[in-house]
Amino acid sequence: VQLQASGGGLVQAGGSLRLSCAASGRTFSRHRMGWFRQAPGKEREFVGSISDSGSTYYINSVKGRFTISRDNAKNTSYLQMNSLKPEDTAVYYCASGRLQYNYWGRGTQVTVSS
């Protein structure tokens, strides 16, 4: 499985971005998809996930602002980010796997200006 994240960019605080994670391979529908981020000088942080059945989980700091979805027909997961804050600035990564995140994509930079 290969993953490719895209959709990052520069946005003002309060704005929105939608990240996409396109996956290759036929097992995408059976994988949990996770989104992570790493801010400058900080460790990588788990943001949220979506199970193969569509159940989602988010960390508290993004709950109500971020939404993870998936389209198995397109082998793609999405991270919709609304009401962005400067502290959301980071490189965002997607990852997938059945029991653990074995597959990782290259990150996409999200910069939120104040």
N, C-alpha and C. Protein backbone atom coordinates (compact mmCIF):
# COMPACT_ATOMS: atom_id res chain seq x y z
N VAL A 1 0.85 -1.18 0.00
CA VAL A 1 0.00 0.00 0.00
C VAL A 1 0.89 1.24 0.00
N GLN A 2 0.59 2.14 -0.89
CA GLN A 2 1.30 3.43 -0.92
C GLN A 2 0.28 4.54 -0.71
N LEU A 3 0.68 5.52 0.09
CA LEU A 3 -0.21 6.63 0.41
C LEU A 3 0.39 7.93 -0.05
N GLN A 4 -0.46 8.83 -0.48
CA GLN A 4 -0.02 10.14 -0.92
C GLN A 4 -0.98 11.19 -0.37
N ALA A 5 -0.47 12.02 0.52
CA ALA A 5 -1.27 13.10 1.08
C ALA A 5 -1.11 14.35 0.24
N SER A 6 -2.18 15.11 0.12
CA SER A 6 -2.14 16.36 -0.64
C SER A 6 -3.18 17.32 -0.09
N GLY A 7 -3.11 18.56 -0.56
CA GLY A 7 -4.12 19.54 -0.18
C GLY A 7 -3.66 20.57 0.82
N GLY A 8 -2.43 20.47 1.28
CA GLY A 8 -1.94 21.45 2.23
C GLY A 8 -1.73 22.81 1.59
N GLY A 9 -1.47 23.80 2.42
CA GLY A 9 -1.24 25.14 1.90
C GLY A 9 -1.22 26.15 3.01
N LEU A 10 -1.28 27.41 2.61
CA LEU A 10 -1.29 28.52 3.54
C LEU A 10 -2.70 29.07 3.64
N VAL A 11 -3.18 29.24 4.86
CA VAL A 11 -4.53 29.74 5.07
C VAL A 11 -4.54 30.66 6.28
N GLN A 12 -5.43 31.61 6.29
CA GLN A 12 -5.55 32.49 7.44
C GLN A 12 -6.32 31.81 8.56
N ALA A 13 -6.08 32.24 9.75
CA ALA A 13 -6.80 31.71 10.91
C ALA A 13 -8.30 31.87 10.67
N GLY A 14 -9.02 30.81 11.01
CA GLY A 14 -10.46 30.78 10.78
C GLY A 14 -10.85 30.16 9.46
N GLY A 15 -9.87 29.94 8.61
CA GLY A 15 -10.13 29.37 7.30
C GLY A 15 -10.23 27.86 7.33
N SER A 16 -10.35 27.28 6.14
CA SER A 16 -10.54 25.84 6.01
C SER A 16 -9.61 25.28 4.95
N LEU A 17 -9.28 24.02 5.12
CA LEU A 17 -8.54 23.25 4.13
C LEU A 17 -9.06 21.83 4.15
N ARG A 18 -8.97 21.16 3.03
CA ARG A 18 -9.29 19.74 2.99
C ARG A 18 -8.09 18.99 2.46
N LEU A 19 -7.60 18.09 3.28
CA LEU A 19 -6.50 17.23 2.88
C LEU A 19 -7.05 15.92 2.34
N SER A 20 -6.34 15.37 1.37
CA SER A 20 -6.71 14.09 0.81
C SER A 20 -5.55 13.11 0.99
N CYS A 21 -5.89 11.87 1.12
CA CYS A 21 -4.89 10.81 1.21
C CYS A 21 -5.31 9.71 0.26
N ALA A 22 -4.62 9.62 -0.86
CA ALA A 22 -4.93 8.62 -1.88
C ALA A 22 -4.07 7.39 -1.64
N ALA A 23 -4.70 6.23 -1.67
CA ALA A 23 -4.01 4.97 -1.39
C ALA A 23 -4.03 4.07 -2.62
N SER A 24 -2.96 3.36 -2.78
CA SER A 24 -2.92 2.33 -3.81
C SER A 24 -3.24 1.00 -3.15
N GLY A 25 -3.53 -0.01 -3.92
CA GLY A 25 -3.77 -1.32 -3.35
C GLY A 25 -5.23 -1.62 -3.12
N ARG A 26 -5.54 -2.88 -3.05
CA ARG A 26 -6.94 -3.31 -2.97
C ARG A 26 -7.41 -3.54 -1.54
N THR A 27 -6.53 -3.31 -0.55
CA THR A 27 -6.92 -3.57 0.83
C THR A 27 -7.34 -2.31 1.56
N PHE A 28 -7.41 -1.19 0.86
CA PHE A 28 -7.72 0.08 1.51
C PHE A 28 -8.99 0.00 2.33
N SER A 29 -10.01 -0.62 1.80
CA SER A 29 -11.31 -0.62 2.47
C SER A 29 -11.25 -1.36 3.80
N ARG A 30 -10.27 -2.22 3.99
CA ARG A 30 -10.17 -2.98 5.24
C ARG A 30 -9.23 -2.32 6.25
N HIS A 31 -8.66 -1.19 5.87
CA HIS A 31 -7.69 -0.52 6.73
C HIS A 31 -8.31 0.60 7.54
N ARG A 32 -7.81 0.75 8.74
CA ARG A 32 -8.06 1.97 9.50
C ARG A 32 -7.15 3.05 8.92
N MET A 33 -7.68 4.27 8.80
CA MET A 33 -6.90 5.40 8.30
C MET A 33 -6.67 6.37 9.44
N GLY A 34 -5.45 6.78 9.60
CA GLY A 34 -5.12 7.74 10.64
C GLY A 34 -4.48 8.99 10.06
N TRP A 35 -4.71 10.08 10.75
CA TRP A 35 -4.07 11.35 10.39
C TRP A 35 -3.22 11.81 11.57
N PHE A 36 -2.03 12.26 11.24
CA PHE A 36 -1.07 12.70 12.24
C PHE A 36 -0.52 14.05 11.79
N ARG A 37 0.12 14.75 12.71
CA ARG A 37 0.77 16.00 12.34
C ARG A 37 2.02 16.20 13.19
N GLN A 38 2.93 16.95 12.63
CA GLN A 38 4.16 17.26 13.35
C GLN A 38 4.48 18.73 13.14
N ALA A 39 4.44 19.47 14.24
CA ALA A 39 4.77 20.89 14.21
C ALA A 39 6.27 21.06 14.39
N PRO A 40 6.82 22.17 13.96
CA PRO A 40 8.26 22.41 14.10
C PRO A 40 8.70 22.28 15.55
N GLY A 41 9.73 21.47 15.76
CA GLY A 41 10.28 21.31 17.10
C GLY A 41 9.47 20.43 18.02
N LYS A 42 8.42 19.82 17.50
CA LYS A 42 7.57 18.97 18.34
C LYS A 42 7.52 17.55 17.79
N GLU A 43 7.08 16.64 18.64
CA GLU A 43 6.94 15.26 18.21
C GLU A 43 5.67 15.11 17.37
N ARG A 44 5.67 14.06 16.58
CA ARG A 44 4.49 13.77 15.78
C ARG A 44 3.31 13.49 16.69
N GLU A 45 2.16 14.01 16.33
CA GLU A 45 0.95 13.91 17.15
C GLU A 45 -0.17 13.25 16.37
N PHE A 46 -0.86 12.34 17.02
CA PHE A 46 -2.05 11.73 16.43
C PHE A 46 -3.16 12.77 16.42
N VAL A 47 -3.88 12.87 15.29
CA VAL A 47 -4.96 13.83 15.15
C VAL A 47 -6.32 13.14 15.20
N GLY A 48 -6.45 12.06 14.47
CA GLY A 48 -7.72 11.36 14.44
C GLY A 48 -7.65 10.18 13.50
N SER A 49 -8.73 9.41 13.48
CA SER A 49 -8.74 8.21 12.65
C SER A 49 -10.16 7.87 12.22
N ILE A 50 -10.22 7.01 11.22
CA ILE A 50 -11.50 6.46 10.78
C ILE A 50 -11.31 4.98 10.56
N SER A 51 -12.21 4.19 11.10
CA SER A 51 -12.09 2.74 10.98
C SER A 51 -12.60 2.28 9.62
N ASP A 52 -12.45 0.98 9.37
CA ASP A 52 -12.95 0.44 8.11
C ASP A 52 -14.47 0.52 8.04
N SER A 53 -15.11 0.58 9.17
CA SER A 53 -16.57 0.68 9.20
C SER A 53 -17.06 2.13 9.24
N GLY A 54 -16.12 3.08 9.33
CA GLY A 54 -16.50 4.49 9.29
C GLY A 54 -16.57 5.18 10.63
N SER A 55 -16.23 4.49 11.70
CA SER A 55 -16.21 5.13 13.02
C SER A 55 -15.01 6.06 13.11
N THR A 56 -15.24 7.23 13.68
CA THR A 56 -14.18 8.22 13.76
C THR A 56 -13.80 8.52 15.20
N TYR A 57 -12.58 9.01 15.34
CA TYR A 57 -12.06 9.39 16.64
C TYR A 57 -11.16 10.59 16.44
N TYR A 58 -11.25 11.56 17.37
CA TYR A 58 -10.44 12.78 17.25
C TYR A 58 -9.84 13.14 18.60
N ILE A 59 -8.71 13.79 18.55
CA ILE A 59 -8.17 14.34 19.79
C ILE A 59 -9.00 15.58 20.14
N ASN A 60 -8.96 15.93 21.41
CA ASN A 60 -9.83 17.00 21.90
C ASN A 60 -9.59 18.34 21.21
N SER A 61 -8.34 18.61 20.89
CA SER A 61 -8.01 19.93 20.35
C SER A 61 -8.58 20.18 18.95
N VAL A 62 -8.99 19.12 18.25
CA VAL A 62 -9.55 19.30 16.91
C VAL A 62 -11.01 18.89 16.83
N LYS A 63 -11.51 18.32 17.90
CA LYS A 63 -12.90 17.85 17.90
C LYS A 63 -13.85 19.02 17.63
N GLY A 64 -14.77 18.79 16.71
CA GLY A 64 -15.71 19.84 16.34
C GLY A 64 -15.21 20.74 15.23
N ARG A 65 -13.92 20.67 14.92
CA ARG A 65 -13.35 21.49 13.84
C ARG A 65 -12.89 20.63 12.66
N PHE A 66 -12.38 19.45 12.96
CA PHE A 66 -11.86 18.56 11.92
C PHE A 66 -12.82 17.39 11.71
N THR A 67 -12.92 16.94 10.48
CA THR A 67 -13.75 15.79 10.14
C THR A 67 -12.98 14.87 9.21
N ILE A 68 -12.92 13.61 9.60
CA ILE A 68 -12.27 12.60 8.76
C ILE A 68 -13.34 11.77 8.07
N SER A 69 -13.13 11.53 6.79
CA SER A 69 -14.06 10.69 6.04
C SER A 69 -13.25 9.82 5.09
N ARG A 70 -13.94 8.92 4.44
CA ARG A 70 -13.27 8.04 3.49
C ARG A 70 -14.23 7.70 2.36
N ASP A 71 -13.64 7.47 1.20
CA ASP A 71 -14.38 7.03 0.03
C ASP A 71 -13.66 5.79 -0.47
N ASN A 72 -14.16 4.63 -0.11
CA ASN A 72 -13.48 3.39 -0.47
C ASN A 72 -13.47 3.17 -1.98
N ALA A 73 -14.46 3.67 -2.68
CA ALA A 73 -14.49 3.51 -4.14
C ALA A 73 -13.32 4.25 -4.79
N LYS A 74 -12.87 5.32 -4.13
CA LYS A 74 -11.76 6.12 -4.65
C LYS A 74 -10.46 5.84 -3.91
N ASN A 75 -10.50 4.90 -2.96
CA ASN A 75 -9.30 4.61 -2.17
C ASN A 75 -8.71 5.88 -1.56
N THR A 76 -9.57 6.71 -1.03
CA THR A 76 -9.13 8.02 -0.53
C THR A 76 -9.76 8.33 0.82
N SER A 77 -8.95 8.91 1.68
CA SER A 77 -9.44 9.44 2.95
C SER A 77 -9.28 10.96 2.91
N TYR A 78 -10.15 11.63 3.65
CA TYR A 78 -10.13 13.09 3.66
C TYR A 78 -10.05 13.60 5.10
N LEU A 79 -9.38 14.72 5.25
CA LEU A 79 -9.35 15.42 6.53
C LEU A 79 -9.83 16.84 6.25
N GLN A 80 -11.08 17.11 6.60
CA GLN A 80 -11.64 18.45 6.45
C GLN A 80 -11.31 19.24 7.71
N MET A 81 -10.64 20.36 7.52
CA MET A 81 -10.20 21.17 8.66
C MET A 81 -10.85 22.54 8.57
N ASN A 82 -11.67 22.85 9.54
CA ASN A 82 -12.36 24.14 9.60
C ASN A 82 -11.90 24.92 10.83
N SER A 83 -12.19 26.19 10.82
CA SER A 83 -11.82 27.06 11.96
C SER A 83 -10.37 26.87 12.34
N LEU A 84 -9.51 26.89 11.37
CA LEU A 84 -8.10 26.62 11.61
C LEU A 84 -7.47 27.68 12.50
N LYS A 85 -6.54 27.23 13.31
CA LYS A 85 -5.82 28.09 14.25
C LYS A 85 -4.33 28.04 13.94
N PRO A 86 -3.59 29.06 14.32
CA PRO A 86 -2.14 29.02 14.08
C PRO A 86 -1.48 27.79 14.68
N GLU A 87 -1.99 27.30 15.79
CA GLU A 87 -1.41 26.11 16.41
C GLU A 87 -1.68 24.83 15.64
N ASP A 88 -2.49 24.91 14.59
CA ASP A 88 -2.68 23.76 13.72
C ASP A 88 -1.58 23.66 12.66
N THR A 89 -0.71 24.64 12.62
CA THR A 89 0.39 24.63 11.65
C THR A 89 1.29 23.43 11.89
N ALA A 90 1.47 22.63 10.86
CA ALA A 90 2.26 21.40 10.98
C ALA A 90 2.35 20.73 9.62
N VAL A 91 3.19 19.74 9.55
CA VAL A 91 3.17 18.82 8.42
C VAL A 91 2.19 17.70 8.79
N TYR A 92 1.23 17.48 7.92
CA TYR A 92 0.20 16.48 8.17
C TYR A 92 0.50 15.21 7.37
N TYR A 93 0.34 14.07 8.04
CA TYR A 93 0.60 12.78 7.45
C TYR A 93 -0.65 11.89 7.55
N CYS A 94 -0.80 11.02 6.57
CA CYS A 94 -1.82 9.99 6.69
C CYS A 94 -1.13 8.64 6.81
N ALA A 95 -1.81 7.72 7.44
CA ALA A 95 -1.27 6.40 7.66
C ALA A 95 -2.40 5.39 7.62
N SER A 96 -2.08 4.15 7.32
CA SER A 96 -3.12 3.14 7.28
C SER A 96 -2.58 1.79 7.73
N GLY A 97 -3.50 0.92 8.04
CA GLY A 97 -3.15 -0.44 8.43
C GLY A 97 -4.36 -1.13 9.01
N ARG A 98 -4.26 -2.43 9.18
CA ARG A 98 -5.41 -3.16 9.74
C ARG A 98 -5.38 -3.14 11.26
N LEU A 99 -4.26 -3.49 11.87
CA LEU A 99 -4.16 -3.49 13.32
C LEU A 99 -3.27 -2.36 13.83
N GLN A 100 -2.34 -1.97 13.04
CA GLN A 100 -1.48 -0.84 13.38
C GLN A 100 -1.14 -0.10 12.10
N TYR A 101 -0.59 1.10 12.26
CA TYR A 101 -0.32 1.93 11.09
C TYR A 101 1.00 1.50 10.46
N ASN A 102 0.91 0.59 9.49
CA ASN A 102 2.08 0.06 8.83
C ASN A 102 2.51 0.89 7.63
N TYR A 103 1.60 1.65 7.09
CA TYR A 103 1.85 2.37 5.85
C TYR A 103 1.70 3.86 6.10
N TRP A 104 2.67 4.61 5.59
CA TRP A 104 2.69 6.05 5.81
C TRP A 104 2.89 6.78 4.49
N GLY A 105 2.25 7.90 4.37
CA GLY A 105 2.46 8.75 3.21
C GLY A 105 3.41 9.88 3.54
N ARG A 106 3.88 10.54 2.51
CA ARG A 106 4.65 11.76 2.73
C ARG A 106 3.71 12.83 3.22
N GLY A 107 4.23 13.71 4.01
CA GLY A 107 3.40 14.73 4.59
C GLY A 107 3.07 15.87 3.65
N THR A 108 2.10 16.64 4.06
CA THR A 108 1.74 17.86 3.34
C THR A 108 1.69 19.01 4.35
N GLN A 109 2.30 20.13 3.98
CA GLN A 109 2.45 21.23 4.91
C GLN A 109 1.16 22.05 5.00
N VAL A 110 0.75 22.30 6.22
CA VAL A 110 -0.37 23.21 6.49
C VAL A 110 0.15 24.36 7.34
N THR A 111 -0.02 25.57 6.86
CA THR A 111 0.42 26.75 7.59
C THR A 111 -0.76 27.67 7.80
N VAL A 112 -1.02 28.00 9.05
CA VAL A 112 -2.13 28.87 9.39
C VAL A 112 -1.57 30.18 9.93
N SER A 113 -1.85 31.25 9.24
CA SER A 113 -1.34 32.56 9.65
C SER A 113 -2.35 33.25 10.55
N SER A 114 -1.80 34.03 11.48
CA SER A 114 -2.68 34.73 12.44
C SER A 114 -3.09 36.10 11.92
